[in-house]
C-alpha atoms as a PDB file:
ATOM      1  CA  MET A   1      30.088  -4.066  -9.899  1.00  0.00           C
ATOM      2  CA  GLU A   2      31.197  -0.905  -8.010  1.00  0.00           C
ATOM      3  CA  SER A   3      31.421   0.883 -11.364  1.00  0.00           C
ATOM      4  CA  ASN A   4      27.883  -0.125 -12.205  1.00  0.00           C
ATOM      5  CA  LEU A   5      26.575   1.059  -8.864  1.00  0.00           C
ATOM      6  CA  LYS A   6      28.467   4.391  -9.375  1.00  0.00           C
ATOM      7  CA  ASP A   7      26.946   4.680 -12.868  1.00  0.00           C
ATOM      8  CA  ASP A   8      23.423   3.956 -11.546  1.00  0.00           C
ATOM      9  CA  PHE A   9      23.926   6.562  -8.810  1.00  0.00           C
ATOM     10  CA  GLU A  10      25.081   9.194 -11.250  1.00  0.00           C
ATOM     11  CA  ARG A  11      22.068   8.474 -13.519  1.00  0.00           C
ATOM     12  CA  MET A  12      19.731   8.815 -10.483  1.00  0.00           C
ATOM     13  CA  VAL A  13      21.249  12.058  -9.369  1.00  0.00           C
ATOM     14  CA  THR A  14      21.114  13.503 -12.905  1.00  0.00           C
ATOM     15  CA  GLN A  15      17.471  12.520 -13.218  1.00  0.00           C
ATOM     16  CA  HIS A  16      16.398  13.749  -9.804  1.00  0.00           C
ATOM     17  CA  LYS A  17      18.819  16.745  -9.132  1.00  0.00           C
ATOM     18  CA  THR A  18      16.063  19.316  -9.375  1.00  0.00           C
ATOM     19  CA  THR A  19      13.962  17.492  -6.801  1.00  0.00           C
ATOM     20  CA  ILE A  20      16.964  17.270  -4.432  1.00  0.00           C
ATOM     21  CA  TYR A  21      17.822  20.904  -5.036  1.00  0.00           C
ATOM     22  CA  SER A  22      14.172  22.025  -4.468  1.00  0.00           C
ATOM     23  CA  VAL A  23      14.119  20.359  -1.083  1.00  0.00           C
ATOM     24  CA  CYS A  24      17.421  21.902  -0.112  1.00  0.00           C
ATOM     25  CA  TYR A  25      16.357  25.309  -1.340  1.00  0.00           C
ATOM     26  CA  MET A  26      13.208  25.126   0.737  1.00  0.00           C
ATOM     27  CA  PHE A  27      15.106  24.527   3.936  1.00  0.00           C
ATOM     28  CA  ALA A  28      18.100  26.832   3.371  1.00  0.00           C
ATOM     29  CA  GLU A  29      18.554  30.388   4.278  1.00  0.00           C
ATOM     30  CA  THR A  30      21.327  31.242   1.830  1.00  0.00           C
ATOM     31  CA  ARG A  31      22.633  29.974  -1.517  1.00  0.00           C
ATOM     32  CA  ILE A  32      25.703  28.601   0.162  1.00  0.00           C
ATOM     33  CA  GLU A  33      23.634  26.698   2.692  1.00  0.00           C
ATOM     34  CA  THR A  34      21.512  25.307  -0.189  1.00  0.00           C
ATOM     35  CA  ASP A  35      24.679  24.019  -1.871  1.00  0.00           C
ATOM     36  CA  ASP A  36      25.972  22.549   1.453  1.00  0.00           C
ATOM     37  CA  LEU A  37      22.666  20.810   2.104  1.00  0.00           C
ATOM     38  CA  PHE A  38      22.729  19.415  -1.496  1.00  0.00           C
ATOM     39  CA  GLN A  39      26.111  17.941  -0.849  1.00  0.00           C
ATOM     40  CA  GLU A  40      24.961  16.455   2.455  1.00  0.00           C
ATOM     41  CA  VAL A  41      21.918  14.842   0.728  1.00  0.00           C
ATOM     42  CA  LEU A  42      24.187  13.350  -1.946  1.00  0.00           C
ATOM     43  CA  ILE A  43      26.321  11.807   0.658  1.00  0.00           C
ATOM     44  CA  ASN A  44      23.339  10.374   2.420  1.00  0.00           C
ATOM     45  CA  LEU A  45      21.855   9.095  -0.840  1.00  0.00           C
ATOM     46  CA  TRP A  46      25.152   7.455  -1.765  1.00  0.00           C
ATOM     47  CA  ASN A  47      25.473   5.880   1.668  1.00  0.00           C
ATOM     48  CA  GLY A  48      22.041   4.354   1.315  1.00  0.00           C
ATOM     49  CA  PHE A  49      21.975   3.729  -2.399  1.00  0.00           C
ATOM     50  CA  ASP A  50      23.230   0.168  -2.355  1.00  0.00           C
ATOM     51  CA  LYS A  51      20.715  -0.688   0.429  1.00  0.00           C
ATOM     52  CA  PHE A  52      17.700   0.658  -1.492  1.00  0.00           C
ATOM     53  CA  ARG A  53      15.610  -2.387  -2.265  1.00  0.00           C
ATOM     54  CA  GLY A  54      12.908  -0.760  -4.280  1.00  0.00           C
ATOM     55  CA  ASP A  55      10.218  -1.421  -1.557  1.00  0.00           C
ATOM     56  CA  SER A  56       9.069   2.128  -2.205  1.00  0.00           C
ATOM     57  CA  ASP A  57       9.198   4.402  -5.253  1.00  0.00           C
ATOM     58  CA  LEU A  58      12.678   5.791  -5.938  1.00  0.00           C
ATOM     59  CA  ARG A  59      11.321   9.368  -6.065  1.00  0.00           C
ATOM     60  CA  SER A  60       9.688   8.936  -2.626  1.00  0.00           C
ATOM     61  CA  TRP A  61      12.910   7.631  -1.233  1.00  0.00           C
ATOM     62  CA  ILE A  62      14.861  10.451  -2.543  1.00  0.00           C
ATOM     63  CA  TYR A  63      12.435  13.001  -1.040  1.00  0.00           C
ATOM     64  CA  ARG A  64      12.523  11.168   2.302  1.00  0.00           C
ATOM     65  CA  VAL A  65      16.333  11.105   2.420  1.00  0.00           C
ATOM     66  CA  SER A  66      16.527  14.720   1.273  1.00  0.00           C
ATOM     67  CA  MET A  67      13.966  16.025   3.800  1.00  0.00           C
ATOM     68  CA  ASN A  68      15.366  13.979   6.629  1.00  0.00           C
ATOM     69  CA  THR A  69      18.818  15.322   5.929  1.00  0.00           C
ATOM     70  CA  CYS A  70      17.633  18.893   5.782  1.00  0.00           C
ATOM     71  CA  ILE A  71      15.413  18.593   8.918  1.00  0.00           C
ATOM     72  CA  SER A  72      18.251  17.120  10.794  1.00  0.00           C
ATOM     73  CA  TYR A  73      20.650  19.748   9.715  1.00  0.00           C
ATOM     74  CA  LYS A  74      18.147  22.524  10.699  1.00  0.00           C
ATOM     75  CA  ARG A  75      17.532  20.962  14.160  1.00  0.00           C
ATOM     76  CA  LYS A  76      21.267  20.994  14.886  1.00  0.00           C
ATOM     77  CA  LYS A  77      21.771  24.475  13.603  1.00  0.00           C
ATOM     78  CA  ARG A  78      20.676  27.599  15.387  1.00  0.00           C
ATOM     79  CA  PRO A  79      18.321  29.753  13.271  1.00  0.00           C
ATOM     80  CA  ARG A  80      19.874  32.760  11.518  1.00  0.00           C
ATOM     81  CA  THR A  81      18.257  35.783   9.912  1.00  0.00           C
ATOM     82  CA  ILE A  82      20.468  36.085   6.836  1.00  0.00           C
ATOM     83  CA  PRO A  83      18.317  36.802   3.807  1.00  0.00           C
ATOM     84  CA  LEU A  84      18.198  34.184   1.076  1.00  0.00           C
ATOM     85  CA  ASP A  85      20.390  34.854  -2.026  1.00  0.00           C
ATOM     86  CA  ILE A  86      17.888  33.449  -4.533  1.00  0.00           C
ATOM     87  CA  ALA A  87      19.507  31.577  -7.384  1.00  0.00           C
ATOM     88  CA  PRO A  88      18.271  33.200 -10.600  1.00  0.00           C
ATOM     89  CA  ASP A  89      18.688  30.093 -12.643  1.00  0.00           C
ATOM     90  CA  ILE A  90      16.413  28.133 -10.310  1.00  0.00           C
ATOM     91  CA  ILE A  91      13.748  30.813 -10.037  1.00  0.00           C
ATOM     92  CA  GLY A  92      13.709  32.304 -13.464  1.00  0.00           C
ATOM     93  CA  GLY A  93      10.894  34.560 -14.704  1.00  0.00           C
ATOM     94  CA  ASP A  94      10.463  38.300 -14.342  1.00  0.00           C
ATOM     95  CA  SER A  95      11.145  40.363 -11.292  1.00  0.00           C
ATOM     96  CA  GLY A  96       7.521  40.290 -10.160  1.00  0.00           C
ATOM     97  CA  GLU A  97       7.559  36.538 -10.362  1.00  0.00           C
ATOM     98  CA  SER A  98      10.822  36.421  -8.423  1.00  0.00           C
ATOM     99  CA  ARG A  99       9.560  38.715  -5.785  1.00  0.00           C
ATOM    100  CA  GLN A 100       6.422  36.573  -5.274  1.00  0.00           C
ATOM    101  CA  THR A 101       8.646  33.494  -5.050  1.00  0.00           C
ATOM    102  CA  GLU A 102      10.862  35.083  -2.527  1.00  0.00           C
ATOM    103  CA  GLN A 103       7.819  36.192  -0.477  1.00  0.00           C
ATOM    104  CA  LEU A 104       6.384  32.685  -0.526  1.00  0.00           C
ATOM    105  CA  HIS A 105       9.799  31.200   0.399  1.00  0.00           C
ATOM    106  CA  ASN A 106      10.046  33.653   3.356  1.00  0.00           C
ATOM    107  CA  ARG A 107       6.598  32.601   4.613  1.00  0.00           C
ATOM    108  CA  ILE A 108       7.298  28.971   4.240  1.00  0.00           C
ATOM    109  CA  MET A 109      10.642  29.370   6.159  1.00  0.00           C
ATOM    110  CA  LYS A 110       8.608  30.478   9.105  1.00  0.00           C
ATOM    111  CA  LEU A 111       6.879  27.005   9.345  1.00  0.00           C
ATOM    112  CA  GLN A 112       8.085  24.088  11.385  1.00  0.00           C
ATOM    113  CA  PRO A 113      10.349  21.752   9.425  1.00  0.00           C
ATOM    114  CA  VAL A 114       7.723  18.976   8.949  1.00  0.00           C
ATOM    115  CA  ASP A 115       5.106  21.535   7.796  1.00  0.00           C
ATOM    116  CA  ARG A 116       7.681  22.921   5.384  1.00  0.00           C
ATOM    117  CA  ALA A 117       8.167  19.476   3.997  1.00  0.00           C
ATOM    118  CA  ILE A 118       4.521  18.879   3.529  1.00  0.00           C
ATOM    119  CA  VAL A 119       4.071  22.163   1.666  1.00  0.00           C
ATOM    120  CA  LEU A 120       7.032  21.460  -0.597  1.00  0.00           C
ATOM    121  CA  LEU A 121       5.671  18.065  -1.525  1.00  0.00           C
ATOM    122  CA  TRP A 122       2.213  19.571  -2.129  1.00  0.00           C
ATOM    123  CA  LEU A 123       3.761  22.316  -4.249  1.00  0.00           C
ATOM    124  CA  GLU A 124       5.552  19.443  -6.268  1.00  0.00           C
ATOM    125  CA  ASN A 125       2.005  18.092  -7.000  1.00  0.00           C
ATOM    126  CA  LEU A 126       2.445  14.879  -5.065  1.00  0.00           C
ATOM    127  CA  SER A 127      -0.708  13.153  -3.966  1.00  0.00           C
ATOM    128  CA  TYR A 128      -1.758  13.044  -0.269  1.00  0.00           C
ATOM    129  CA  ASP A 129      -0.921   9.383  -0.316  1.00  0.00           C
ATOM    130  CA  GLU A 130       2.556  10.001  -1.544  1.00  0.00           C
ATOM    131  CA  ILE A 131       3.070  12.854   0.981  1.00  0.00           C
ATOM    132  CA  ALA A 132       1.854  10.624   3.750  1.00  0.00           C
ATOM    133  CA  ALA A 133       4.296   7.874   2.737  1.00  0.00           C
ATOM    134  CA  ILE A 134       7.229  10.237   2.628  1.00  0.00           C
ATOM    135  CA  VAL A 135       6.451  12.094   5.857  1.00  0.00           C
ATOM    136  CA  GLY A 136       5.361   8.983   7.708  1.00  0.00           C
ATOM    137  CA  THR A 137       1.761   9.937   8.580  1.00  0.00           C
ATOM    138  CA  SER A 138      -1.763   9.158   7.430  1.00  0.00           C
ATOM    139  CA  THR A 139      -3.321  10.572   4.269  1.00  0.00           C
ATOM    140  CA  ARG A 140      -6.025  12.210   6.502  1.00  0.00           C
ATOM    141  CA  ALA A 141      -3.379  13.875   8.667  1.00  0.00           C
ATOM    142  CA  VAL A 142      -1.750  15.308   5.572  1.00  0.00           C
ATOM    143  CA  GLY A 143      -5.038  16.848   4.532  1.00  0.00           C
ATOM    144  CA  THR A 144      -5.788  18.292   7.972  1.00  0.00           C
ATOM    145  CA  ARG A 145      -2.168  19.733   8.171  1.00  0.00           C
ATOM    146  CA  LEU A 146      -2.423  21.249   4.827  1.00  0.00           C
ATOM    147  CA  VAL A 147      -5.573  23.083   5.692  1.00  0.00           C
ATOM    148  CA  ARG A 148      -3.836  24.421   8.845  1.00  0.00           C
ATOM    149  CA  ILE A 149      -0.627  25.337   7.012  1.00  0.00           C
ATOM    150  CA  LYS A 150      -2.524  27.199   4.259  1.00  0.00           C
ATOM    151  CA  GLU A 151      -4.344  29.232   6.977  1.00  0.00           C
ATOM    152  CA  LYS A 152      -1.093  29.992   8.747  1.00  0.00           C
ATOM    153  CA  LEU A 153       0.531  31.074   5.396  1.00  0.00           C
ATOM    154  CA  LYS A 154      -2.419  33.391   4.769  1.00  0.00           C
ATOM    155  CA  SER A 155      -2.078  35.055   8.164  1.00  0.00           C
ATOM    156  CA  LEU A 156       1.599  35.738   7.767  1.00  0.00           C
END
């Protein structure tokens, strides 16, 4: 049974590794920190994997664990001002596209952790209902916060 659990976990990670990495990337300041966060998330996913009952969507559970891990990490850690070493294999595209992505990332990094999480989920094209379920708020609150977050990002 342990082998089956391990196989199921490996399949889940393989299927959702981009989602996990995206969350970590959005909260990290460096490539090394992104990789560290990714490992922390995997540990937390593994620790909770056998307890996941399927009451919620697997993808929502992965987002929730990933974001909670990253938010907890950032709360414990004092902010630094080291520039992000963007992973070219993640960003892709031409230099203009990479520059825009880096600018967006820098602006998003100035947001509070929960607002960062909401923007990330919105950028991943999740519905307001899905975002609300992951973040633990109402659908209406998600809409209101997104309007405020967009205004804040424009002003930065």
